[in-house]
């Protein structure tokens, strides 16, 4: 029960390349963000392996004859090339959050 609680109180997710367990947890977080069971927060996927997974998901789930997701669902994960790009995205998200919190 620890992991779901930890996920629910997180403000951002930065995921680096990993195995099946990493993919499983990433998909769970993506799904929780998709169905709005969590507050909006960034899901940042670092490295080249993720773009292929997102593209596969898009092609498999957005079939015109039987869509299993909406195009907006694929705007949730943000693929970046390296750690610095992930930090830049975190800073941008924090600045946007701070602007709305202070409004």
PDB file of N, CA and C in Angstrom:
ATOM      1  N   UNK A   1       0.800  -1.208   0.000  1.00  0.00           N
ATOM      2  CA  UNK A   1       0.000   0.000   0.000  1.00  0.00           C
ATOM      3  C   UNK A   1       0.842   1.271   0.000  1.00  0.00           C
ATOM      4  N   UNK A   2       2.130   1.144   0.235  1.00  0.00           N
ATOM      5  CA  UNK A   2       2.969   2.336   0.295  1.00  0.00           C
ATOM      6  C   UNK A   2       3.075   3.019  -1.059  1.00  0.00           C
ATOM      7  N   UNK A   3       3.323   2.245  -2.114  1.00  0.00           N
ATOM      8  CA  UNK A   3       3.561   2.836  -3.434  1.00  0.00           C
ATOM      9  C   UNK A   3       2.372   3.659  -3.924  1.00  0.00           C
ATOM     10  N   UNK A   4       1.130   3.150  -3.895  1.00  0.00           N
ATOM     11  CA  UNK A   4       0.020   3.998  -4.365  1.00  0.00           C
ATOM     12  C   UNK A   4      -0.101   5.297  -3.582  1.00  0.00           C
ATOM     13  N   UNK A   5       0.124   5.254  -2.286  1.00  0.00           N
ATOM     14  CA  UNK A   5       0.057   6.482  -1.499  1.00  0.00           C
ATOM     15  C   UNK A   5       1.154   7.451  -1.910  1.00  0.00           C
ATOM     16  N   UNK A   6       2.340   6.936  -2.156  1.00  0.00           N
ATOM     17  CA  UNK A   6       3.455   7.774  -2.579  1.00  0.00           C
ATOM     18  C   UNK A   6       3.150   8.419  -3.926  1.00  0.00           C
ATOM     19  N   UNK A   7       2.569   7.653  -4.837  1.00  0.00           N
ATOM     20  CA  UNK A   7       2.215   8.173  -6.156  1.00  0.00           C
ATOM     21  C   UNK A   7       1.191   9.294  -6.025  1.00  0.00           C
ATOM     22  N   UNK A   8       0.201   9.115  -5.190  1.00  0.00           N
ATOM     23  CA  UNK A   8      -0.888  10.086  -5.085  1.00  0.00           C
ATOM     24  C   UNK A   8      -0.444  11.423  -4.495  1.00  0.00           C
ATOM     25  N   UNK A   9       0.640  11.459  -3.763  1.00  0.00           N
ATOM     26  CA  UNK A   9       1.087  12.726  -3.170  1.00  0.00           C
ATOM     27  C   UNK A   9       2.246  13.354  -3.937  1.00  0.00           C
ATOM     28  N   UNK A  10       2.628  12.767  -5.049  1.00  0.00           N
ATOM     29  CA  UNK A  10       3.745  13.297  -5.834  1.00  0.00           C
ATOM     30  C   UNK A  10       3.306  14.492  -6.669  1.00  0.00           C
ATOM     31  N   UNK A  11       4.227  15.409  -6.891  1.00  0.00           N
ATOM     32  CA  UNK A  11       3.956  16.608  -7.683  1.00  0.00           C
ATOM     33  C   UNK A  11       4.473  16.502  -9.109  1.00  0.00           C
ATOM     34  N   UNK A  12       5.293  15.503  -9.378  1.00  0.00           N
ATOM     35  CA  UNK A  12       5.847  15.303 -10.720  1.00  0.00           C
ATOM     36  C   UNK A  12       6.427  13.896 -10.787  1.00  0.00           C
ATOM     37  N   UNK A  13       6.553  13.415 -12.004  1.00  0.00           N
ATOM     38  CA  UNK A  13       7.153  12.100 -12.234  1.00  0.00           C
ATOM     39  C   UNK A  13       8.189  12.227 -13.334  1.00  0.00           C
ATOM     40  N   UNK A  14       9.396  11.808 -13.036  1.00  0.00           N
ATOM     41  CA  UNK A  14      10.473  11.764 -14.021  1.00  0.00           C
ATOM     42  C   UNK A  14      10.881  10.297 -14.116  1.00  0.00           C
ATOM     43  N   UNK A  15      10.721   9.736 -15.308  1.00  0.00           N
ATOM     44  CA  UNK A  15      10.962   8.311 -15.505  1.00  0.00           C
ATOM     45  C   UNK A  15      12.140   8.135 -16.456  1.00  0.00           C
ATOM     46  N   UNK A  16      13.106   7.349 -16.033  1.00  0.00           N
ATOM     47  CA  UNK A  16      14.271   7.051 -16.869  1.00  0.00           C
ATOM     48  C   UNK A  16      14.114   5.642 -17.435  1.00  0.00           C
ATOM     49  N   UNK A  17      14.911   5.282 -18.438  1.00  0.00           N
ATOM     50  CA  UNK A  17      14.775   3.953 -19.032  1.00  0.00           C
ATOM     51  C   UNK A  17      14.868   2.845 -17.982  1.00  0.00           C
ATOM     52  N   UNK A  18      14.045   1.836 -18.182  1.00  0.00           N
ATOM     53  CA  UNK A  18      14.017   0.709 -17.263  1.00  0.00           C
ATOM     54  C   UNK A  18      13.372  -0.493 -17.917  1.00  0.00           C
ATOM     55  N   UNK A  19      13.078  -1.465 -17.120  1.00  0.00           N
ATOM     56  CA  UNK A  19      12.505  -2.706 -17.620  1.00  0.00           C
ATOM     57  C   UNK A  19      10.986  -2.721 -17.550  1.00  0.00           C
ATOM     58  N   UNK A  20      10.454  -3.927 -17.511  1.00  0.00           N
ATOM     59  CA  UNK A  20       9.006  -4.111 -17.531  1.00  0.00           C
ATOM     60  C   UNK A  20       8.349  -3.462 -16.316  1.00  0.00           C
ATOM     61  N   UNK A  21       8.971  -3.545 -15.148  1.00  0.00           N
ATOM     62  CA  UNK A  21       8.402  -2.922 -13.952  1.00  0.00           C
ATOM     63  C   UNK A  21       8.307  -1.410 -14.086  1.00  0.00           C
ATOM     64  N   UNK A  22       9.319  -0.806 -14.668  1.00  0.00           N
ATOM     65  CA  UNK A  22       9.303   0.638 -14.897  1.00  0.00           C
ATOM     66  C   UNK A  22       8.195   1.009 -15.867  1.00  0.00           C
ATOM     67  N   UNK A  23       8.061   0.224 -16.936  1.00  0.00           N
ATOM     68  CA  UNK A  23       6.989   0.481 -17.908  1.00  0.00           C
ATOM     69  C   UNK A  23       5.631   0.324 -17.237  1.00  0.00           C
ATOM     70  N   UNK A  24       5.457  -0.710 -16.424  1.00  0.00           N
ATOM     71  CA  UNK A  24       4.188  -0.945 -15.729  1.00  0.00           C
ATOM     72  C   UNK A  24       3.821   0.243 -14.842  1.00  0.00           C
ATOM     73  N   UNK A  25       4.761   0.696 -14.037  1.00  0.00           N
ATOM     74  CA  UNK A  25       4.473   1.816 -13.143  1.00  0.00           C
ATOM     75  C   UNK A  25       4.222   3.104 -13.923  1.00  0.00           C
ATOM     76  N   UNK A  26       4.943   3.297 -15.015  1.00  0.00           N
ATOM     77  CA  UNK A  26       4.729   4.480 -15.851  1.00  0.00           C
ATOM     78  C   UNK A  26       3.328   4.472 -16.437  1.00  0.00           C
ATOM     79  N   UNK A  27       2.897   3.325 -16.938  1.00  0.00           N
ATOM     80  CA  UNK A  27       1.548   3.218 -17.508  1.00  0.00           C
ATOM     81  C   UNK A  27       0.479   3.445 -16.437  1.00  0.00           C
ATOM     82  N   UNK A  28       0.724   2.961 -15.218  1.00  0.00           N
ATOM     83  CA  UNK A  28      -0.239   3.171 -14.141  1.00  0.00           C
ATOM     84  C   UNK A  28      -0.369   4.668 -13.832  1.00  0.00           C
ATOM     85  N   UNK A  29       0.750   5.363 -13.766  1.00  0.00           N
ATOM     86  CA  UNK A  29       0.710   6.804 -13.502  1.00  0.00           C
ATOM     87  C   UNK A  29       0.008   7.525 -14.644  1.00  0.00           C
ATOM     88  N   UNK A  30       0.329   7.164 -15.876  1.00  0.00           N
ATOM     89  CA  UNK A  30      -0.318   7.764 -17.049  1.00  0.00           C
ATOM     90  C   UNK A  30      -1.826   7.560 -16.971  1.00  0.00           C
ATOM     91  N   UNK A  31      -2.255   6.361 -16.624  1.00  0.00           N
ATOM     92  CA  UNK A  31      -3.688   6.074 -16.545  1.00  0.00           C
ATOM     93  C   UNK A  31      -4.349   6.876 -15.424  1.00  0.00           C
ATOM     94  N   UNK A  32      -3.702   7.012 -14.287  1.00  0.00           N
ATOM     95  CA  UNK A  32      -4.267   7.812 -13.197  1.00  0.00           C
ATOM     96  C   UNK A  32      -4.402   9.278 -13.601  1.00  0.00           C
ATOM     97  N   UNK A  33      -3.443   9.785 -14.347  1.00  0.00           N
ATOM     98  CA  UNK A  33      -3.541  11.160 -14.853  1.00  0.00           C
ATOM     99  C   UNK A  33      -4.639  11.260 -15.910  1.00  0.00           C
ATOM    100  N   UNK A  34      -4.764  10.243 -16.745  1.00  0.00           N
ATOM    101  CA  UNK A  34      -5.771  10.236 -17.810  1.00  0.00           C
ATOM    102  C   UNK A  34      -7.184  10.335 -17.241  1.00  0.00           C
ATOM    103  N   UNK A  35      -7.476   9.563 -16.204  1.00  0.00           N
ATOM    104  CA  UNK A  35      -8.835   9.543 -15.646  1.00  0.00           C
ATOM    105  C   UNK A  35      -9.003  10.554 -14.514  1.00  0.00           C
ATOM    106  N   UNK A  36      -8.012  11.412 -14.356  1.00  0.00           N
ATOM    107  CA  UNK A  36      -8.049  12.517 -13.393  1.00  0.00           C
ATOM    108  C   UNK A  36      -8.208  12.047 -11.938  1.00  0.00           C
ATOM    109  N   UNK A  37      -7.573  10.916 -11.626  1.00  0.00           N
ATOM    110  CA  UNK A  37      -7.561  10.436 -10.246  1.00  0.00           C
ATOM    111  C   UNK A  37      -6.450  11.106  -9.447  1.00  0.00           C
ATOM    112  N   UNK A  38      -5.638  11.900 -10.151  1.00  0.00           N
ATOM    113  CA  UNK A  38      -4.546  12.638  -9.527  1.00  0.00           C
ATOM    114  C   UNK A  38      -4.614  14.071 -10.011  1.00  0.00           C
ATOM    115  N   UNK A  39      -4.077  14.970  -9.218  1.00  0.00           N
ATOM    116  CA  UNK A  39      -3.950  16.344  -9.681  1.00  0.00           C
ATOM    117  C   UNK A  39      -3.021  16.372 -10.883  1.00  0.00           C
ATOM    118  N   UNK A  40      -3.251  17.342 -11.753  1.00  0.00           N
ATOM    119  CA  UNK A  40      -2.411  17.456 -12.939  1.00  0.00           C
ATOM    120  C   UNK A  40      -0.961  17.689 -12.525  1.00  0.00           C
ATOM    121  N   UNK A  41      -0.097  16.846 -13.012  1.00  0.00           N
ATOM    122  CA  UNK A  41       1.328  16.999 -12.749  1.00  0.00           C
ATOM    123  C   UNK A  41       2.093  16.414 -13.927  1.00  0.00           C
ATOM    124  N   UNK A  42       3.324  16.848 -14.119  1.00  0.00           N
ATOM    125  CA  UNK A  42       4.062  16.370 -15.284  1.00  0.00           C
ATOM    126  C   UNK A  42       4.486  14.906 -15.163  1.00  0.00           C
ATOM    127  N   UNK A  43       4.380  14.222 -16.284  1.00  0.00           N
ATOM    128  CA  UNK A  43       4.914  12.870 -16.443  1.00  0.00           C
ATOM    129  C   UNK A  43       5.987  12.984 -17.520  1.00  0.00           C
ATOM    130  N   UNK A  44       7.228  13.045 -17.088  1.00  0.00           N
ATOM    131  CA  UNK A  44       8.355  13.309 -17.980  1.00  0.00           C
ATOM    132  C   UNK A  44       9.123  12.009 -18.184  1.00  0.00           C
ATOM    133  N   UNK A  45       9.234  11.605 -19.449  1.00  0.00           N
ATOM    134  CA  UNK A  45       9.900  10.358 -19.801  1.00  0.00           C
ATOM    135  C   UNK A  45      11.234  10.694 -20.457  1.00  0.00           C
ATOM    136  N   UNK A  46      12.320  10.254 -19.837  1.00  0.00           N
ATOM    137  CA  UNK A  46      13.666  10.642 -20.261  1.00  0.00           C
ATOM    138  C   UNK A  46      14.312   9.528 -21.087  1.00  0.00           C
ATOM    139  N   UNK A  47      14.782   9.891 -22.267  1.00  0.00           N
ATOM    140  CA  UNK A  47      15.531   8.952 -23.086  1.00  0.00           C
ATOM    141  C   UNK A  47      14.771   8.473 -24.306  1.00  0.00           C
ATOM    142  N   UNK A  48      15.487   7.821 -25.217  1.00  0.00           N
ATOM    143  CA  UNK A  48      14.897   7.451 -26.505  1.00  0.00           C
ATOM    144  C   UNK A  48      13.902   6.295 -26.459  1.00  0.00           C
ATOM    145  N   UNK A  49      13.926   5.459 -25.422  1.00  0.00           N
ATOM    146  CA  UNK A  49      13.029   4.299 -25.423  1.00  0.00           C
ATOM    147  C   UNK A  49      11.563   4.682 -25.336  1.00  0.00           C
ATOM    148  N   UNK A  50      11.267   5.826 -24.747  1.00  0.00           N
ATOM    149  CA  UNK A  50       9.875   6.171 -24.467  1.00  0.00           C
ATOM    150  C   UNK A  50       9.107   6.622 -25.695  1.00  0.00           C
ATOM    151  N   UNK A  51       9.754   7.314 -26.604  1.00  0.00           N
ATOM    152  CA  UNK A  51       9.043   7.812 -27.786  1.00  0.00           C
ATOM    153  C   UNK A  51       8.418   6.656 -28.561  1.00  0.00           C
ATOM    154  N   UNK A  52       9.146   5.559 -28.695  1.00  0.00           N
ATOM    155  CA  UNK A  52       8.608   4.394 -29.396  1.00  0.00           C
ATOM    156  C   UNK A  52       7.407   3.800 -28.688  1.00  0.00           C
ATOM    157  N   UNK A  53       7.447   3.763 -27.359  1.00  0.00           N
ATOM    158  CA  UNK A  53       6.314   3.235 -26.598  1.00  0.00           C
ATOM    159  C   UNK A  53       5.085   4.118 -26.763  1.00  0.00           C
ATOM    160  N   UNK A  54       5.286   5.427 -26.727  1.00  0.00           N
ATOM    161  CA  UNK A  54       4.163   6.358 -26.892  1.00  0.00           C
ATOM    162  C   UNK A  54       3.587   6.231 -28.298  1.00  0.00           C
ATOM    163  N   UNK A  55       4.448   6.148 -29.298  1.00  0.00           N
ATOM    164  CA  UNK A  55       3.962   6.016 -30.679  1.00  0.00           C
ATOM    165  C   UNK A  55       3.221   4.699 -30.877  1.00  0.00           C
ATOM    166  N   UNK A  56       3.734   3.616 -30.295  1.00  0.00           N
ATOM    167  CA  UNK A  56       3.028   2.335 -30.381  1.00  0.00           C
ATOM    168  C   UNK A  56       1.652   2.450 -29.724  1.00  0.00           C
ATOM    169  N   UNK A  57       1.603   3.048 -28.542  1.00  0.00           N
ATOM    170  CA  UNK A  57       0.326   3.210 -27.842  1.00  0.00           C
ATOM    171  C   UNK A  57      -0.647   4.028 -28.675  1.00  0.00           C
ATOM    172  N   UNK A  58      -0.153   5.108 -29.261  1.00  0.00           N
ATOM    173  CA  UNK A  58      -1.002   5.967 -30.089  1.00  0.00           C
ATOM    174  C   UNK A  58      -1.566   5.174 -31.275  1.00  0.00           C
ATOM    175  N   UNK A  59      -0.718   4.440 -31.971  1.00  0.00           N
ATOM    176  CA  UNK A  59      -1.193   3.712 -33.154  1.00  0.00           C
ATOM    177  C   UNK A  59      -2.126   2.568 -32.774  1.00  0.00           C
ATOM    178  N   UNK A  60      -1.914   1.951 -31.628  1.00  0.00           N
ATOM    179  CA  UNK A  60      -2.765   0.841 -31.206  1.00  0.00           C
ATOM    180  C   UNK A  60      -4.093   1.313 -30.619  1.00  0.00           C
ATOM    181  N   UNK A  61      -4.105   2.467 -29.975  1.00  0.00           N
ATOM    182  CA  UNK A  61      -5.297   2.899 -29.240  1.00  0.00           C
ATOM    183  C   UNK A  61      -6.146   3.936 -29.951  1.00  0.00           C
ATOM    184  N   UNK A  62      -5.615   4.578 -30.972  1.00  0.00           N
ATOM    185  CA  UNK A  62      -6.387   5.604 -31.681  1.00  0.00           C
ATOM    186  C   UNK A  62      -6.879   5.114 -33.038  1.00  0.00           C
ATOM    187  N   UNK A  63      -7.145   3.839 -33.142  1.00  0.00           N
ATOM    188  CA  UNK A  63      -7.658   3.298 -34.398  1.00  0.00           C
ATOM    189  C   UNK A  63      -9.043   3.872 -34.665  1.00  0.00           C
ATOM    190  N   UNK A  64      -9.293   4.373 -35.863  1.00  0.00           N
ATOM    191  CA  UNK A  64     -10.582   5.010 -36.163  1.00  0.00           C
ATOM    192  C   UNK A  64     -11.777   4.086 -35.951  1.00  0.00           C
ATOM    193  N   UNK A  65     -11.610   2.809 -36.243  1.00  0.00           N
ATOM    194  CA  UNK A  65     -12.748   1.896 -36.133  1.00  0.00           C
ATOM    195  C   UNK A  65     -13.095   1.552 -34.689  1.00  0.00           C
ATOM    196  N   UNK A  66     -12.142   1.720 -33.773  1.00  0.00           N
ATOM    197  CA  UNK A  66     -12.409   1.365 -32.376  1.00  0.00           C
ATOM    198  C   UNK A  66     -11.403   2.065 -31.470  1.00  0.00           C
ATOM    199  N   UNK A  67     -11.579   3.377 -31.250  1.00  0.00           N
ATOM    200  CA  UNK A  67     -10.610   4.109 -30.424  1.00  0.00           C
ATOM    201  C   UNK A  67     -10.691   3.684 -28.955  1.00  0.00           C
ATOM    202  N   UNK A  68      -9.549   3.496 -28.354  1.00  0.00           N
ATOM    203  CA  UNK A  68      -9.470   3.095 -26.950  1.00  0.00           C
ATOM    204  C   UNK A  68      -8.950   4.214 -26.058  1.00  0.00           C
ATOM    205  N   UNK A  69      -8.651   5.347 -26.649  1.00  0.00           N
ATOM    206  CA  UNK A  69      -8.163   6.513 -25.917  1.00  0.00           C
ATOM    207  C   UNK A  69      -8.481   7.739 -26.763  1.00  0.00           C
ATOM    208  N   UNK A  70      -8.300   8.903 -26.177  1.00  0.00           N
ATOM    209  CA  UNK A  70      -8.525  10.138 -26.929  1.00  0.00           C
ATOM    210  C   UNK A  70      -7.172  10.759 -27.279  1.00  0.00           C
ATOM    211  N   UNK A  71      -7.128  11.583 -28.311  1.00  0.00           N
ATOM    212  CA  UNK A  71      -5.855  12.231 -28.668  1.00  0.00           C
ATOM    213  C   UNK A  71      -5.242  13.013 -27.504  1.00  0.00           C
ATOM    214  N   UNK A  72      -6.088  13.594 -26.654  1.00  0.00           N
ATOM    215  CA  UNK A  72      -5.585  14.363 -25.510  1.00  0.00           C
ATOM    216  C   UNK A  72      -4.797  13.489 -24.534  1.00  0.00           C
ATOM    217  N   UNK A  73      -5.135  12.207 -24.474  1.00  0.00           N
ATOM    218  CA  UNK A  73      -4.425  11.310 -23.560  1.00  0.00           C
ATOM    219  C   UNK A  73      -2.943  11.212 -23.901  1.00  0.00           C
ATOM    220  N   UNK A  74      -2.610  11.454 -25.159  1.00  0.00           N
ATOM    221  CA  UNK A  74      -1.224  11.334 -25.589  1.00  0.00           C
ATOM    222  C   UNK A  74      -0.449  12.635 -25.419  1.00  0.00           C
ATOM    223  N   UNK A  75      -1.117  13.644 -24.885  1.00  0.00           N
ATOM    224  CA  UNK A  75      -0.439  14.880 -24.509  1.00  0.00           C
ATOM    225  C   UNK A  75       0.048  14.820 -23.064  1.00  0.00           C
ATOM    226  N   UNK A  76      -0.360  13.797 -22.326  1.00  0.00           N
ATOM    227  CA  UNK A  76       0.019  13.680 -20.911  1.00  0.00           C
ATOM    228  C   UNK A  76       1.511  13.391 -20.751  1.00  0.00           C
ATOM    229  N   UNK A  77       2.035  12.322 -21.338  1.00  0.00           N
ATOM    230  CA  UNK A  77       3.470  12.089 -21.162  1.00  0.00           C
ATOM    231  C   UNK A  77       4.290  13.019 -22.043  1.00  0.00           C
ATOM    232  N   UNK A  78       5.376  13.490 -21.506  1.00  0.00           N
ATOM    233  CA  UNK A  78       6.272  14.375 -22.245  1.00  0.00           C
ATOM    234  C   UNK A  78       7.618  13.678 -22.378  1.00  0.00           C
ATOM    235  N   UNK A  79       7.997  13.348 -23.599  1.00  0.00           N
ATOM    236  CA  UNK A  79       9.277  12.683 -23.855  1.00  0.00           C
ATOM    237  C   UNK A  79      10.367  13.732 -24.038  1.00  0.00           C
ATOM    238  N   UNK A  80      11.454  13.560 -23.308  1.00  0.00           N
ATOM    239  CA  UNK A  80      12.606  14.451 -23.435  1.00  0.00           C
ATOM    240  C   UNK A  80      13.861  13.609 -23.656  1.00  0.00           C
ATOM    241  N   UNK A  81      14.899  14.260 -24.150  1.00  0.00           N
ATOM    242  CA  UNK A  81      16.100  13.519 -24.534  1.00  0.00           C
ATOM    243  C   UNK A  81      17.040  13.208 -23.381  1.00  0.00           C
ATOM    244  N   UNK A  82      17.097  14.104 -22.386  1.00  0.00           N
ATOM    245  CA  UNK A  82      18.093  13.904 -21.334  1.00  0.00           C
ATOM    246  C   UNK A  82      17.640  14.541 -20.025  1.00  0.00           C
ATOM    247  N   UNK A  83      18.470  14.350 -19.007  1.00  0.00           N
ATOM    248  CA  UNK A  83      18.146  14.855 -17.681  1.00  0.00           C
ATOM    249  C   UNK A  83      17.990  16.363 -17.621  1.00  0.00           C
ATOM    250  N   UNK A  84      18.822  17.091 -18.352  1.00  0.00           N
ATOM    251  CA  UNK A  84      18.712  18.549 -18.345  1.00  0.00           C
ATOM    252  C   UNK A  84      17.371  18.997 -18.906  1.00  0.00           C
ATOM    253  N   UNK A  85      16.911  18.343 -19.959  1.00  0.00           N
ATOM    254  CA  UNK A  85      15.603  18.682 -20.527  1.00  0.00           C
ATOM    255  C   UNK A  85      14.493  18.379 -19.521  1.00  0.00           C
ATOM    256  N   UNK A  86      14.644  17.319 -18.742  1.00  0.00           N
ATOM    257  CA  UNK A  86      13.656  16.999 -17.706  1.00  0.00           C
ATOM    258  C   UNK A  86      13.643  18.088 -16.632  1.00  0.00           C
ATOM    259  N   UNK A  87      14.825  18.527 -16.219  1.00  0.00           N
ATOM    260  CA  UNK A  87      14.916  19.600 -15.221  1.00  0.00           C
ATOM    261  C   UNK A  87      14.280  20.877 -15.758  1.00  0.00           C
ATOM    262  N   UNK A  88      14.531  21.186 -17.013  1.00  0.00           N
ATOM    263  CA  UNK A  88      13.929  22.376 -17.621  1.00  0.00           C
ATOM    264  C   UNK A  88      12.407  22.288 -17.591  1.00  0.00           C
ATOM    265  N   UNK A  89      11.857  21.117 -17.882  1.00  0.00           N
ATOM    266  CA  UNK A  89      10.404  20.940 -17.854  1.00  0.00           C
ATOM    267  C   UNK A  89       9.858  21.069 -16.434  1.00  0.00           C
ATOM    268  N   UNK A  90      10.568  20.521 -15.468  1.00  0.00           N
ATOM    269  CA  UNK A  90      10.149  20.648 -14.069  1.00  0.00           C
ATOM    270  C   UNK A  90      10.144  22.109 -13.636  1.00  0.00           C
ATOM    271  N   UNK A  91      11.161  22.837 -14.015  1.00  0.00           N
ATOM    272  CA  UNK A  91      11.217  24.267 -13.665  1.00  0.00           C
ATOM    273  C   UNK A  91      10.074  25.040 -14.309  1.00  0.00           C
ATOM    274  N   UNK A  92       9.787  24.737 -15.565  1.00  0.00           N
ATOM    275  CA  UNK A  92       8.684  25.418 -16.258  1.00  0.00           C
ATOM    276  C   UNK A  92       7.352  25.091 -15.593  1.00  0.00           C
ATOM    277  N   UNK A  93       7.149  23.837 -15.239  1.00  0.00           N
ATOM    278  CA  UNK A  93       5.903  23.451 -14.566  1.00  0.00           C
ATOM    279  C   UNK A  93       5.793  24.143 -13.208  1.00  0.00           C
ATOM    280  N   UNK A  94       6.891  24.181 -12.471  1.00  0.00           N
ATOM    281  CA  UNK A  94       6.867  24.826 -11.161  1.00  0.00           C
ATOM    282  C   UNK A  94       6.565  26.317 -11.287  1.00  0.00           C
ATOM    283  N   UNK A  95       7.156  26.969 -12.270  1.00  0.00           N
ATOM    284  CA  UNK A  95       6.893  28.398 -12.477  1.00  0.00           C
ATOM    285  C   UNK A  95       5.426  28.634 -12.815  1.00  0.00           C
ATOM    286  N   UNK A  96       4.849  27.784 -13.654  1.00  0.00           N
ATOM    287  CA  UNK A  96       3.427  27.924 -14.001  1.00  0.00           C
ATOM    288  C   UNK A  96       2.553  27.673 -12.778  1.00  0.00           C
ATOM    289  N   UNK A  97       2.904  26.671 -11.983  1.00  0.00           N
ATOM    290  CA  UNK A  97       2.145  26.380 -10.766  1.00  0.00           C
ATOM    291  C   UNK A  97       2.229  27.554  -9.796  1.00  0.00           C
ATOM    292  N   UNK A  98       3.427  28.112  -9.650  1.00  0.00           N
ATOM    293  CA  UNK A  98       3.617  29.233  -8.738  1.00  0.00           C
ATOM    294  C   UNK A  98       2.802  30.446  -9.181  1.00  0.00           C
ATOM    295  N   UNK A  99       2.748  30.683 -10.477  1.00  0.00           N
ATOM    296  CA  UNK A  99       1.982  31.820 -10.998  1.00  0.00           C
ATOM    297  C   UNK A  99       0.500  31.669 -10.683  1.00  0.00           C
ATOM    298  N   UNK A 100      -0.037  30.461 -10.812  1.00  0.00           N
ATOM    299  CA  UNK A 100      -1.466  30.267 -10.507  1.00  0.00           C
ATOM    300  C   UNK A 100      -1.709  30.268  -9.004  1.00  0.00           C
ATOM    301  N   UNK A 101      -0.745  29.783  -8.222  1.00  0.00           N
ATOM    302  CA  UNK A 101      -0.908  29.766  -6.768  1.00  0.00           C
ATOM    303  C   UNK A 101      -0.885  31.173  -6.194  1.00  0.00           C
ATOM    304  N   UNK A 102      -0.142  32.064  -6.835  1.00  0.00           N
ATOM    305  CA  UNK A 102      -0.027  33.436  -6.349  1.00  0.00           C
ATOM    306  C   UNK A 102      -1.068  34.369  -6.954  1.00  0.00           C
ATOM    307  N   UNK A 103      -1.884  33.863  -7.862  1.00  0.00           N
ATOM    308  CA  UNK A 103      -2.885  34.719  -8.527  1.00  0.00           C
ATOM    309  C   UNK A 103      -4.067  34.988  -7.633  1.00  0.00           C
TER     310      UNK A 103
END
